[in-house]
Amino acid sequence: RRFRFEFGAPLDIDLLIGRTHNPENKTRLSVLYLNGLTSQWDREEFVSLLAENVRSWMLRNPPQDRDRPQFLMFIDEIGQFVPNPTLKKPICKDILVTLFKQGRKYGVSLLGASQSPGDFDYRALGQANSTFVGRLKTPQDVRKVEALVGRGAGKQEVGEALGGLAQGEFFLHAPGTGVDATRFHAPLTVFGLETVAE
């Protein structure tokens, strides 16, 4: 475990987002693959360190343009890092919730994805400006999210539709816009993907 802190490149947010060593001045996409870490504890520890570094970075780098994010952090299967309060609390949960709460004013956006919405802490989800909900398979999951994306009479309609959405279909709920949940279809891939052998 100690080798993670002794070898390799240090965790540098400016490098990850392309503010340093980026002669083409292009937006950089950095993918941090955590499955190489052997235990859930190791993954939580790394996410905690990364989130702490992002928080320190955002405090030192106020946004130049408040209408545009300067950093986007995407976490797949976020439920394991910000689980609902009935589950064991991982060490990274508090700092991630802090980023959900404070990141917006610093131009730091978090995007989390989960196939099991019941696993995610709804207090953190309440900080989201926008929520995309795709097909849900169980009535329990539908009940948990229909209150988020539907209001009044539309709530039942949205709840009934969630189980029958096609692949690539979502409901978008963005409370700040004043618009009720909107159903839309997204292309299955935004750009061509290629599997690279190990």
N, C-alpha and C. Protein backbone atom coordinates (compact mmCIF):
# COMPACT_ATOMS: atom_id res chain seq x y z
N ARG A 1 0.83 -1.19 0.00
CA ARG A 1 0.00 0.00 0.00
C ARG A 1 0.86 1.25 0.00
N ARG A 2 2.03 1.21 0.67
CA ARG A 2 2.84 2.41 0.77
C ARG A 2 3.40 2.84 -0.58
N PHE A 3 3.53 1.91 -1.53
CA PHE A 3 4.08 2.26 -2.84
C PHE A 3 3.22 3.29 -3.56
N ARG A 4 1.93 3.31 -3.24
CA ARG A 4 1.07 4.31 -3.88
C ARG A 4 1.49 5.72 -3.53
N PHE A 5 2.15 5.89 -2.39
CA PHE A 5 2.55 7.22 -1.94
C PHE A 5 4.03 7.50 -2.20
N GLU A 6 4.76 6.51 -2.69
CA GLU A 6 6.20 6.68 -2.88
C GLU A 6 6.61 6.72 -4.35
N PHE A 7 5.81 6.15 -5.23
CA PHE A 7 6.19 6.07 -6.64
C PHE A 7 5.13 6.73 -7.51
N GLY A 8 5.47 6.99 -8.74
CA GLY A 8 4.52 7.55 -9.68
C GLY A 8 4.41 9.06 -9.56
N ALA A 9 3.47 9.61 -10.31
CA ALA A 9 3.28 11.06 -10.32
C ALA A 9 2.40 11.48 -9.15
N PRO A 10 2.70 12.64 -8.55
CA PRO A 10 1.83 13.11 -7.48
C PRO A 10 0.46 13.51 -8.03
N LEU A 11 -0.52 13.51 -7.15
CA LEU A 11 -1.88 13.89 -7.52
C LEU A 11 -1.92 15.40 -7.73
N ASP A 12 -2.03 15.83 -8.98
CA ASP A 12 -1.95 17.25 -9.34
C ASP A 12 -3.20 17.61 -10.15
N ILE A 13 -4.10 18.38 -9.57
CA ILE A 13 -5.36 18.70 -10.22
C ILE A 13 -5.13 19.53 -11.48
N ASP A 14 -4.19 20.48 -11.45
CA ASP A 14 -3.90 21.28 -12.66
C ASP A 14 -3.46 20.39 -13.81
N LEU A 15 -2.67 19.37 -13.51
CA LEU A 15 -2.24 18.43 -14.55
C LEU A 15 -3.41 17.60 -15.05
N LEU A 16 -4.27 17.13 -14.14
CA LEU A 16 -5.41 16.31 -14.54
C LEU A 16 -6.37 17.04 -15.47
N ILE A 17 -6.55 18.35 -15.26
CA ILE A 17 -7.51 19.09 -16.09
C ILE A 17 -6.85 19.83 -17.24
N GLY A 18 -5.54 19.72 -17.36
CA GLY A 18 -4.87 20.28 -18.52
C GLY A 18 -4.42 21.72 -18.38
N ARG A 19 -4.26 22.21 -17.17
CA ARG A 19 -3.77 23.57 -17.00
C ARG A 19 -2.24 23.62 -17.07
N THR A 20 -1.59 22.48 -16.90
CA THR A 20 -0.14 22.42 -17.06
C THR A 20 0.18 21.33 -18.09
N HIS A 21 1.30 21.47 -18.77
CA HIS A 21 1.75 20.49 -19.77
C HIS A 21 0.66 20.23 -20.81
N ASN A 22 0.12 21.31 -21.38
CA ASN A 22 -0.97 21.19 -22.34
C ASN A 22 -0.75 22.21 -23.46
N PRO A 23 0.26 21.99 -24.31
CA PRO A 23 0.60 23.00 -25.33
C PRO A 23 -0.52 23.27 -26.33
N GLU A 24 -1.39 22.29 -26.58
CA GLU A 24 -2.49 22.51 -27.53
C GLU A 24 -3.65 23.28 -26.90
N ASN A 25 -3.60 23.48 -25.56
CA ASN A 25 -4.65 24.16 -24.81
C ASN A 25 -6.02 23.55 -25.06
N LYS A 26 -6.07 22.22 -25.03
CA LYS A 26 -7.33 21.51 -25.22
C LYS A 26 -7.89 21.08 -23.87
N THR A 27 -9.18 20.85 -23.83
CA THR A 27 -9.79 20.33 -22.61
C THR A 27 -9.30 18.91 -22.40
N ARG A 28 -8.78 18.64 -21.23
CA ARG A 28 -8.22 17.32 -20.96
C ARG A 28 -9.25 16.47 -20.22
N LEU A 29 -9.33 15.24 -20.61
CA LEU A 29 -10.15 14.24 -19.94
C LEU A 29 -9.20 13.24 -19.29
N SER A 30 -9.24 13.16 -17.98
CA SER A 30 -8.40 12.22 -17.25
C SER A 30 -9.29 11.15 -16.65
N VAL A 31 -8.97 9.90 -16.91
CA VAL A 31 -9.74 8.77 -16.38
C VAL A 31 -8.89 8.08 -15.33
N LEU A 32 -9.43 7.98 -14.13
CA LEU A 32 -8.74 7.30 -13.04
C LEU A 32 -9.48 5.99 -12.79
N TYR A 33 -8.83 4.91 -13.15
CA TYR A 33 -9.43 3.57 -13.09
C TYR A 33 -9.10 2.94 -11.75
N LEU A 34 -10.12 2.75 -10.92
CA LEU A 34 -9.90 2.32 -9.55
C LEU A 34 -9.94 0.81 -9.36
N ASN A 35 -10.31 0.06 -10.37
CA ASN A 35 -10.42 -1.39 -10.18
C ASN A 35 -9.07 -2.07 -9.97
N GLY A 36 -7.99 -1.35 -10.23
CA GLY A 36 -6.67 -1.89 -9.95
C GLY A 36 -6.36 -1.90 -8.46
N LEU A 37 -7.13 -1.14 -7.69
CA LEU A 37 -6.97 -1.16 -6.23
C LEU A 37 -7.70 -2.39 -5.70
N THR A 38 -7.06 -3.10 -4.81
CA THR A 38 -7.54 -4.44 -4.47
C THR A 38 -8.70 -4.49 -3.49
N SER A 39 -8.94 -3.43 -2.75
CA SER A 39 -10.02 -3.50 -1.76
C SER A 39 -10.89 -2.25 -1.84
N GLN A 40 -12.11 -2.37 -1.32
CA GLN A 40 -13.01 -1.23 -1.27
C GLN A 40 -12.42 -0.12 -0.41
N TRP A 41 -11.74 -0.48 0.68
CA TRP A 41 -11.10 0.51 1.53
C TRP A 41 -10.08 1.33 0.73
N ASP A 42 -9.27 0.66 -0.10
CA ASP A 42 -8.27 1.37 -0.90
C ASP A 42 -8.93 2.33 -1.88
N ARG A 43 -10.05 1.90 -2.49
CA ARG A 43 -10.76 2.79 -3.43
C ARG A 43 -11.33 4.00 -2.70
N GLU A 44 -11.93 3.76 -1.53
CA GLU A 44 -12.49 4.86 -0.75
C GLU A 44 -11.39 5.84 -0.32
N GLU A 45 -10.24 5.28 0.08
CA GLU A 45 -9.12 6.12 0.51
C GLU A 45 -8.65 7.00 -0.65
N PHE A 46 -8.53 6.41 -1.85
CA PHE A 46 -8.08 7.19 -2.99
C PHE A 46 -9.09 8.28 -3.36
N VAL A 47 -10.38 7.92 -3.39
CA VAL A 47 -11.41 8.91 -3.71
C VAL A 47 -11.39 10.04 -2.68
N SER A 48 -11.17 9.71 -1.42
CA SER A 48 -11.08 10.72 -0.38
C SER A 48 -9.91 11.67 -0.63
N LEU A 49 -8.75 11.10 -0.95
CA LEU A 49 -7.57 11.93 -1.24
C LEU A 49 -7.80 12.81 -2.47
N LEU A 50 -8.40 12.24 -3.50
CA LEU A 50 -8.69 13.01 -4.71
C LEU A 50 -9.65 14.15 -4.40
N ALA A 51 -10.74 13.85 -3.68
CA ALA A 51 -11.73 14.87 -3.36
C ALA A 51 -11.14 15.97 -2.47
N GLU A 52 -10.28 15.61 -1.53
CA GLU A 52 -9.61 16.61 -0.69
C GLU A 52 -8.73 17.51 -1.55
N ASN A 53 -8.02 16.92 -2.51
CA ASN A 53 -7.19 17.71 -3.41
C ASN A 53 -8.04 18.64 -4.28
N VAL A 54 -9.18 18.16 -4.75
CA VAL A 54 -10.09 19.00 -5.54
C VAL A 54 -10.59 20.16 -4.69
N ARG A 55 -10.96 19.88 -3.45
CA ARG A 55 -11.45 20.95 -2.56
C ARG A 55 -10.38 22.00 -2.33
N SER A 56 -9.15 21.58 -2.03
CA SER A 56 -8.05 22.53 -1.84
C SER A 56 -7.80 23.34 -3.10
N TRP A 57 -7.84 22.66 -4.25
CA TRP A 57 -7.62 23.33 -5.53
C TRP A 57 -8.70 24.38 -5.79
N MET A 58 -9.97 24.03 -5.54
CA MET A 58 -11.05 24.97 -5.85
C MET A 58 -10.97 26.21 -4.95
N LEU A 59 -10.52 26.05 -3.72
CA LEU A 59 -10.40 27.21 -2.82
C LEU A 59 -9.28 28.14 -3.27
N ARG A 60 -8.25 27.57 -3.91
CA ARG A 60 -7.13 28.39 -4.41
C ARG A 60 -7.40 28.96 -5.80
N ASN A 61 -8.40 28.44 -6.51
CA ASN A 61 -8.65 28.83 -7.90
C ASN A 61 -10.10 29.26 -8.10
N PRO A 62 -10.46 30.46 -7.66
CA PRO A 62 -11.84 30.90 -7.88
C PRO A 62 -12.12 30.99 -9.38
N PRO A 63 -13.35 30.74 -9.78
CA PRO A 63 -13.65 30.73 -11.22
C PRO A 63 -13.56 32.13 -11.83
N GLN A 64 -13.06 32.19 -13.07
CA GLN A 64 -13.01 33.45 -13.81
C GLN A 64 -14.39 33.78 -14.38
N ASP A 65 -15.11 32.75 -14.79
CA ASP A 65 -16.43 32.91 -15.39
C ASP A 65 -17.41 32.06 -14.57
N ARG A 66 -18.29 32.70 -13.82
CA ARG A 66 -19.19 31.97 -12.92
C ARG A 66 -20.26 31.17 -13.67
N ASP A 67 -20.43 31.41 -14.96
CA ASP A 67 -21.44 30.68 -15.74
C ASP A 67 -20.91 29.39 -16.34
N ARG A 68 -19.59 29.16 -16.24
CA ARG A 68 -19.00 27.97 -16.84
C ARG A 68 -18.23 27.19 -15.79
N PRO A 69 -18.46 25.89 -15.71
CA PRO A 69 -17.66 25.10 -14.76
C PRO A 69 -16.21 25.04 -15.21
N GLN A 70 -15.31 25.00 -14.25
CA GLN A 70 -13.89 24.87 -14.58
C GLN A 70 -13.37 23.47 -14.31
N PHE A 71 -14.20 22.64 -13.69
CA PHE A 71 -13.78 21.29 -13.34
C PHE A 71 -15.02 20.42 -13.23
N LEU A 72 -14.99 19.26 -13.85
CA LEU A 72 -16.08 18.29 -13.74
C LEU A 72 -15.50 16.97 -13.27
N MET A 73 -16.06 16.47 -12.19
CA MET A 73 -15.62 15.18 -11.65
C MET A 73 -16.78 14.21 -11.80
N PHE A 74 -16.56 13.16 -12.57
CA PHE A 74 -17.57 12.13 -12.79
C PHE A 74 -17.20 10.91 -11.98
N ILE A 75 -18.16 10.39 -11.23
CA ILE A 75 -17.92 9.18 -10.43
C ILE A 75 -18.97 8.15 -10.81
N ASP A 76 -18.51 7.06 -11.37
CA ASP A 76 -19.41 5.96 -11.73
C ASP A 76 -19.67 5.13 -10.48
N GLU A 77 -20.86 4.56 -10.38
CA GLU A 77 -21.27 3.77 -9.22
C GLU A 77 -21.05 4.55 -7.93
N ILE A 78 -21.59 5.77 -7.91
CA ILE A 78 -21.36 6.68 -6.79
C ILE A 78 -21.96 6.18 -5.48
N GLY A 79 -22.94 5.29 -5.56
CA GLY A 79 -23.56 4.78 -4.34
C GLY A 79 -22.59 4.14 -3.37
N GLN A 80 -21.49 3.58 -3.87
CA GLN A 80 -20.52 2.96 -2.97
C GLN A 80 -19.69 4.00 -2.22
N PHE A 81 -19.64 5.24 -2.73
CA PHE A 81 -18.85 6.28 -2.10
C PHE A 81 -19.70 7.28 -1.31
N VAL A 82 -20.98 7.42 -1.69
CA VAL A 82 -21.92 8.30 -0.98
C VAL A 82 -23.21 7.49 -0.76
N PRO A 83 -23.13 6.45 0.08
CA PRO A 83 -24.30 5.57 0.26
C PRO A 83 -25.37 6.22 1.13
N ASN A 84 -26.55 5.65 1.07
CA ASN A 84 -27.62 6.18 1.92
C ASN A 84 -27.24 5.95 3.38
N PRO A 85 -27.83 6.73 4.29
CA PRO A 85 -27.40 6.71 5.70
C PRO A 85 -27.59 5.38 6.43
N THR A 86 -28.36 4.47 5.86
CA THR A 86 -28.55 3.18 6.54
C THR A 86 -27.37 2.24 6.32
N LEU A 87 -26.49 2.56 5.39
CA LEU A 87 -25.34 1.71 5.09
C LEU A 87 -24.08 2.23 5.77
N LYS A 88 -23.05 1.40 5.84
CA LYS A 88 -21.77 1.78 6.44
C LYS A 88 -21.22 3.02 5.73
N LYS A 89 -20.72 3.97 6.51
CA LYS A 89 -20.23 5.24 5.96
C LYS A 89 -18.77 5.11 5.53
N PRO A 90 -18.48 5.29 4.24
CA PRO A 90 -17.09 5.23 3.78
C PRO A 90 -16.33 6.51 4.17
N ILE A 91 -15.01 6.43 4.21
CA ILE A 91 -14.22 7.58 4.64
C ILE A 91 -14.31 8.75 3.67
N CYS A 92 -14.69 8.51 2.43
CA CYS A 92 -14.75 9.57 1.44
C CYS A 92 -16.11 10.29 1.38
N LYS A 93 -17.09 9.80 2.12
CA LYS A 93 -18.43 10.35 1.99
C LYS A 93 -18.51 11.83 2.38
N ASP A 94 -17.97 12.20 3.53
CA ASP A 94 -18.10 13.58 3.99
C ASP A 94 -17.49 14.59 3.01
N ILE A 95 -16.31 14.29 2.50
CA ILE A 95 -15.67 15.25 1.59
C ILE A 95 -16.43 15.31 0.26
N LEU A 96 -16.97 14.20 -0.21
CA LEU A 96 -17.77 14.25 -1.44
C LEU A 96 -19.05 15.05 -1.23
N VAL A 97 -19.70 14.88 -0.10
CA VAL A 97 -20.91 15.66 0.20
C VAL A 97 -20.54 17.15 0.27
N THR A 98 -19.39 17.47 0.84
CA THR A 98 -18.93 18.87 0.87
C THR A 98 -18.76 19.41 -0.54
N LEU A 99 -18.19 18.61 -1.43
CA LEU A 99 -18.05 19.07 -2.82
C LEU A 99 -19.41 19.26 -3.48
N PHE A 100 -20.36 18.37 -3.21
CA PHE A 100 -21.71 18.54 -3.74
C PHE A 100 -22.30 19.86 -3.26
N LYS A 101 -22.08 20.19 -2.00
CA LYS A 101 -22.68 21.39 -1.41
C LYS A 101 -21.97 22.67 -1.83
N GLN A 102 -20.64 22.66 -1.87
CA GLN A 102 -19.88 23.89 -2.07
C GLN A 102 -19.29 24.06 -3.45
N GLY A 103 -19.15 22.98 -4.19
CA GLY A 103 -18.44 23.04 -5.46
C GLY A 103 -19.03 24.00 -6.47
N ARG A 104 -20.33 24.10 -6.51
CA ARG A 104 -21.02 24.92 -7.52
C ARG A 104 -20.49 26.35 -7.56
N LYS A 105 -20.31 26.98 -6.39
CA LYS A 105 -19.88 28.38 -6.38
C LYS A 105 -18.42 28.55 -6.77
N TYR A 106 -17.67 27.46 -6.81
CA TYR A 106 -16.27 27.50 -7.24
C TYR A 106 -16.08 26.98 -8.67
N GLY A 107 -17.17 26.68 -9.34
CA GLY A 107 -17.06 26.17 -10.70
C GLY A 107 -16.68 24.71 -10.75
N VAL A 108 -16.91 23.98 -9.66
CA VAL A 108 -16.61 22.54 -9.61
C VAL A 108 -17.93 21.79 -9.65
N SER A 109 -18.10 20.95 -10.66
CA SER A 109 -19.33 20.18 -10.83
C SER A 109 -19.04 18.72 -10.57
N LEU A 110 -20.00 18.06 -9.94
CA LEU A 110 -19.91 16.61 -9.73
C LEU A 110 -21.02 15.94 -10.49
N LEU A 111 -20.68 14.86 -11.13
CA LEU A 111 -21.64 14.06 -11.88
C LEU A 111 -21.50 12.63 -11.37
N GLY A 112 -22.57 12.11 -10.82
CA GLY A 112 -22.54 10.76 -10.29
C GLY A 112 -23.51 9.87 -11.04
N ALA A 113 -23.16 8.61 -11.21
CA ALA A 113 -24.03 7.66 -11.90
C ALA A 113 -24.20 6.42 -11.04
N SER A 114 -25.43 5.89 -11.07
CA SER A 114 -25.72 4.68 -10.31
C SER A 114 -26.87 3.93 -10.97
N GLN A 115 -26.79 2.61 -10.96
CA GLN A 115 -27.89 1.81 -11.47
C GLN A 115 -28.89 1.50 -10.37
N SER A 116 -28.53 1.82 -9.13
CA SER A 116 -29.40 1.56 -7.98
C SER A 116 -29.58 2.85 -7.20
N PRO A 117 -30.58 3.64 -7.55
CA PRO A 117 -30.74 4.94 -6.90
C PRO A 117 -30.96 4.85 -5.40
N GLY A 118 -31.48 3.72 -4.92
CA GLY A 118 -31.70 3.57 -3.49
C GLY A 118 -30.41 3.50 -2.69
N ASP A 119 -29.29 3.23 -3.37
CA ASP A 119 -28.01 3.14 -2.68
C ASP A 119 -27.39 4.50 -2.40
N PHE A 120 -27.88 5.55 -3.06
CA PHE A 120 -27.28 6.87 -2.99
C PHE A 120 -27.93 7.71 -1.89
N ASP A 121 -27.15 8.52 -1.19
CA ASP A 121 -27.66 9.37 -0.12
C ASP A 121 -28.49 10.50 -0.72
N TYR A 122 -29.77 10.53 -0.38
CA TYR A 122 -30.67 11.51 -0.98
C TYR A 122 -30.43 12.92 -0.48
N ARG A 123 -29.74 13.09 0.64
CA ARG A 123 -29.37 14.44 1.07
C ARG A 123 -28.34 15.02 0.11
N ALA A 124 -27.43 14.20 -0.35
CA ALA A 124 -26.46 14.67 -1.34
C ALA A 124 -27.15 14.88 -2.68
N LEU A 125 -28.06 13.97 -3.04
CA LEU A 125 -28.78 14.10 -4.31
C LEU A 125 -29.61 15.38 -4.34
N GLY A 126 -30.07 15.81 -3.17
CA GLY A 126 -30.83 17.05 -3.08
C GLY A 126 -30.02 18.27 -3.47
N GLN A 127 -28.69 18.16 -3.48
CA GLN A 127 -27.82 19.27 -3.89
C GLN A 127 -27.68 19.37 -5.41
N ALA A 128 -28.16 18.37 -6.12
CA ALA A 128 -27.98 18.33 -7.58
C ALA A 128 -28.89 19.35 -8.27
N ASN A 129 -28.31 20.07 -9.23
CA ASN A 129 -29.10 21.01 -10.03
C ASN A 129 -29.94 20.26 -11.05
N SER A 130 -29.43 19.15 -11.55
CA SER A 130 -30.12 18.38 -12.58
C SER A 130 -30.04 16.90 -12.23
N THR A 131 -31.14 16.20 -12.49
CA THR A 131 -31.18 14.76 -12.25
C THR A 131 -31.70 14.09 -13.52
N PHE A 132 -30.96 13.10 -14.00
CA PHE A 132 -31.38 12.29 -15.14
C PHE A 132 -31.75 10.92 -14.61
N VAL A 133 -32.94 10.45 -14.94
CA VAL A 133 -33.37 9.14 -14.47
C VAL A 133 -33.77 8.31 -15.67
N GLY A 134 -33.14 7.14 -15.79
CA GLY A 134 -33.48 6.22 -16.86
C GLY A 134 -34.41 5.13 -16.35
N ARG A 135 -34.50 4.06 -17.11
CA ARG A 135 -35.41 2.96 -16.76
C ARG A 135 -35.05 2.36 -15.40
N LEU A 136 -36.07 2.18 -14.59
CA LEU A 136 -35.90 1.55 -13.28
C LEU A 136 -36.66 0.24 -13.29
N LYS A 137 -36.06 -0.78 -12.74
CA LYS A 137 -36.64 -2.13 -12.83
C LYS A 137 -37.52 -2.51 -11.66
N THR A 138 -37.28 -1.94 -10.48
CA THR A 138 -38.06 -2.38 -9.32
C THR A 138 -39.00 -1.27 -8.86
N PRO A 139 -40.16 -1.65 -8.33
CA PRO A 139 -41.10 -0.66 -7.80
C PRO A 139 -40.49 0.17 -6.67
N GLN A 140 -39.60 -0.43 -5.88
CA GLN A 140 -38.96 0.30 -4.79
C GLN A 140 -38.12 1.46 -5.33
N ASP A 141 -37.34 1.21 -6.40
CA ASP A 141 -36.54 2.28 -6.99
C ASP A 141 -37.43 3.36 -7.58
N VAL A 142 -38.53 2.96 -8.22
CA VAL A 142 -39.45 3.94 -8.80
C VAL A 142 -39.99 4.84 -7.70
N ARG A 143 -40.42 4.27 -6.60
CA ARG A 143 -40.97 5.08 -5.50
C ARG A 143 -39.92 6.04 -4.95
N LYS A 144 -38.66 5.61 -4.90
CA LYS A 144 -37.62 6.45 -4.33
C LYS A 144 -37.32 7.67 -5.20
N VAL A 145 -37.44 7.53 -6.51
CA VAL A 145 -37.05 8.66 -7.37
C VAL A 145 -38.23 9.43 -7.96
N GLU A 146 -39.42 8.89 -7.94
CA GLU A 146 -40.52 9.61 -8.59
C GLU A 146 -40.80 10.94 -7.89
N ALA A 147 -40.55 11.02 -6.60
CA ALA A 147 -40.74 12.29 -5.89
C ALA A 147 -39.72 13.33 -6.35
N LEU A 148 -38.57 12.88 -6.82
CA LEU A 148 -37.54 13.82 -7.29
C LEU A 148 -37.89 14.41 -8.66
N VAL A 149 -38.47 13.61 -9.53
CA VAL A 149 -38.65 14.07 -10.92
C VAL A 149 -40.07 14.45 -11.27
N GLY A 150 -41.02 14.17 -10.41
CA GLY A 150 -42.40 14.52 -10.73
C GLY A 150 -43.05 15.33 -9.63
N ARG A 151 -44.01 16.17 -10.00
CA ARG A 151 -44.74 16.96 -9.02
C ARG A 151 -46.23 16.81 -9.29
N GLY A 152 -47.01 16.83 -8.24
CA GLY A 152 -48.45 16.82 -8.39
C GLY A 152 -48.93 15.67 -9.24
N ALA A 153 -49.80 16.01 -10.21
CA ALA A 153 -50.37 14.98 -11.10
C ALA A 153 -49.29 14.33 -11.93
N GLY A 154 -48.24 15.09 -12.29
CA GLY A 154 -47.17 14.55 -13.11
C GLY A 154 -46.35 13.50 -12.41
N LYS A 155 -46.37 13.51 -11.07
CA LYS A 155 -45.58 12.56 -10.29
C LYS A 155 -45.99 11.12 -10.60
N GLN A 156 -47.27 10.85 -10.62
CA GLN A 156 -47.74 9.48 -10.90
C GLN A 156 -47.43 9.11 -12.35
N GLU A 157 -47.62 10.05 -13.26
CA GLU A 157 -47.34 9.78 -14.68
C GLU A 157 -45.87 9.44 -14.89
N VAL A 158 -44.98 10.21 -14.25
CA VAL A 158 -43.54 9.94 -14.36
C VAL A 158 -43.23 8.59 -13.74
N GLY A 159 -43.78 8.32 -12.56
CA GLY A 159 -43.54 7.05 -11.87
C GLY A 159 -43.94 5.86 -12.71
N GLU A 160 -45.08 5.95 -13.38
CA GLU A 160 -45.55 4.85 -14.24
C GLU A 160 -44.65 4.68 -15.46
N ALA A 161 -44.11 5.79 -15.97
CA ALA A 161 -43.30 5.72 -17.18
C ALA A 161 -41.89 5.21 -16.92
N LEU A 162 -41.36 5.38 -15.72
CA LEU A 162 -39.97 5.02 -15.43
C LEU A 162 -39.66 3.55 -15.70
N GLY A 163 -40.60 2.67 -15.44
CA GLY A 163 -40.36 1.24 -15.66
C GLY A 163 -40.37 0.85 -17.12
N GLY A 164 -40.93 1.69 -17.98
CA GLY A 164 -41.04 1.33 -19.39
C GLY A 164 -40.18 2.14 -20.33
N LEU A 165 -39.23 2.89 -19.80
CA LEU A 165 -38.37 3.69 -20.68
C LEU A 165 -37.50 2.79 -21.55
N ALA A 166 -37.30 3.20 -22.78
CA ALA A 166 -36.44 2.45 -23.70
C ALA A 166 -34.98 2.77 -23.41
N GLN A 167 -34.10 1.98 -23.99
CA GLN A 167 -32.67 2.23 -23.84
C GLN A 167 -32.35 3.61 -24.40
N GLY A 168 -31.64 4.42 -23.64
CA GLY A 168 -31.30 5.77 -24.07
C GLY A 168 -32.36 6.81 -23.75
N GLU A 169 -33.47 6.40 -23.13
CA GLU A 169 -34.52 7.35 -22.74
C GLU A 169 -34.37 7.73 -21.28
N PHE A 170 -34.60 9.01 -20.98
CA PHE A 170 -34.43 9.53 -19.63
C PHE A 170 -35.50 10.57 -19.33
N PHE A 171 -35.68 10.81 -18.05
CA PHE A 171 -36.39 12.00 -17.59
C PHE A 171 -35.32 12.93 -17.03
N LEU A 172 -35.40 14.19 -17.41
CA LEU A 172 -34.51 15.21 -16.88
C LEU A 172 -35.32 16.08 -15.94
N HIS A 173 -34.82 16.24 -14.74
CA HIS A 173 -35.46 17.14 -13.77
C HIS A 173 -34.42 18.18 -13.38
N ALA A 174 -34.71 19.43 -13.67
CA ALA A 174 -33.82 20.54 -13.33
C ALA A 174 -34.66 21.59 -12.60
N PRO A 175 -34.75 21.50 -11.27
CA PRO A 175 -35.66 22.35 -10.49
C PRO A 175 -35.46 23.85 -10.72
N GLY A 176 -34.25 24.30 -10.94
CA GLY A 176 -34.00 25.72 -11.11
C GLY A 176 -34.61 26.32 -12.37
N THR A 177 -35.01 25.48 -13.32
CA THR A 177 -35.55 25.98 -14.58
C THR A 177 -37.04 26.26 -14.52
N GLY A 178 -37.72 25.73 -13.51
CA GLY A 178 -39.16 25.92 -13.42
C GLY A 178 -39.95 25.01 -14.34
N VAL A 179 -39.27 24.11 -15.05
CA VAL A 179 -39.93 23.19 -15.97
C VAL A 179 -40.08 21.84 -15.29
N ASP A 180 -41.23 21.19 -15.47
CA ASP A 180 -41.41 19.86 -14.91
C ASP A 180 -40.48 18.87 -15.59
N ALA A 181 -40.46 17.66 -15.09
CA ALA A 181 -39.61 16.62 -15.66
C ALA A 181 -39.88 16.49 -17.15
N THR A 182 -38.81 16.43 -17.93
CA THR A 182 -38.89 16.36 -19.38
C THR A 182 -38.35 15.02 -19.85
N ARG A 183 -39.13 14.34 -20.66
CA ARG A 183 -38.70 13.05 -21.20
C ARG A 183 -37.95 13.29 -22.51
N PHE A 184 -36.79 12.64 -22.67
CA PHE A 184 -36.03 12.80 -23.89
C PHE A 184 -35.28 11.52 -24.22
N HIS A 185 -34.81 11.44 -25.44
CA HIS A 185 -34.05 10.28 -25.91
C HIS A 185 -32.66 10.75 -26.29
N ALA A 186 -31.65 10.09 -25.76
CA ALA A 186 -30.26 10.43 -26.06
C ALA A 186 -29.67 9.35 -26.95
N PRO A 187 -28.74 9.72 -27.83
CA PRO A 187 -28.07 8.69 -28.62
C PRO A 187 -27.31 7.74 -27.68
N LEU A 188 -27.18 6.50 -28.08
CA LEU A 188 -26.55 5.51 -27.22
C LEU A 188 -25.09 5.83 -26.95
N THR A 189 -24.40 6.42 -27.93
CA THR A 189 -23.04 6.88 -27.69
C THR A 189 -22.90 8.26 -28.29
N VAL A 190 -22.17 9.10 -27.60
CA VAL A 190 -21.94 10.44 -28.09
C VAL A 190 -20.80 10.43 -29.11
N PHE A 191 -19.84 9.55 -28.91
CA PHE A 191 -18.73 9.42 -29.84
C PHE A 191 -18.34 7.95 -29.91
N GLY A 192 -17.62 7.60 -30.96
CA GLY A 192 -17.25 6.20 -31.15
C GLY A 192 -16.31 5.73 -30.06
N LEU A 193 -16.57 4.58 -29.53
CA LEU A 193 -15.72 4.01 -28.49
C LEU A 193 -15.03 2.76 -29.03
N GLU A 194 -13.84 2.55 -28.56
CA GLU A 194 -13.08 1.39 -29.01
C GLU A 194 -12.51 0.69 -27.79
N THR A 195 -12.65 -0.62 -27.70
CA THR A 195 -12.08 -1.35 -26.58
C THR A 195 -10.61 -1.61 -26.87
N VAL A 196 -9.79 -1.26 -25.91
CA VAL A 196 -8.34 -1.44 -26.06
C VAL A 196 -7.93 -2.64 -25.20
N ALA A 197 -7.22 -3.56 -25.78
CA ALA A 197 -6.79 -4.75 -25.04
C ALA A 197 -5.83 -4.34 -23.92
N GLU A 198 -5.83 -5.13 -22.86
CA GLU A 198 -4.97 -4.82 -21.72
C GLU A 198 -3.50 -4.79 -22.13
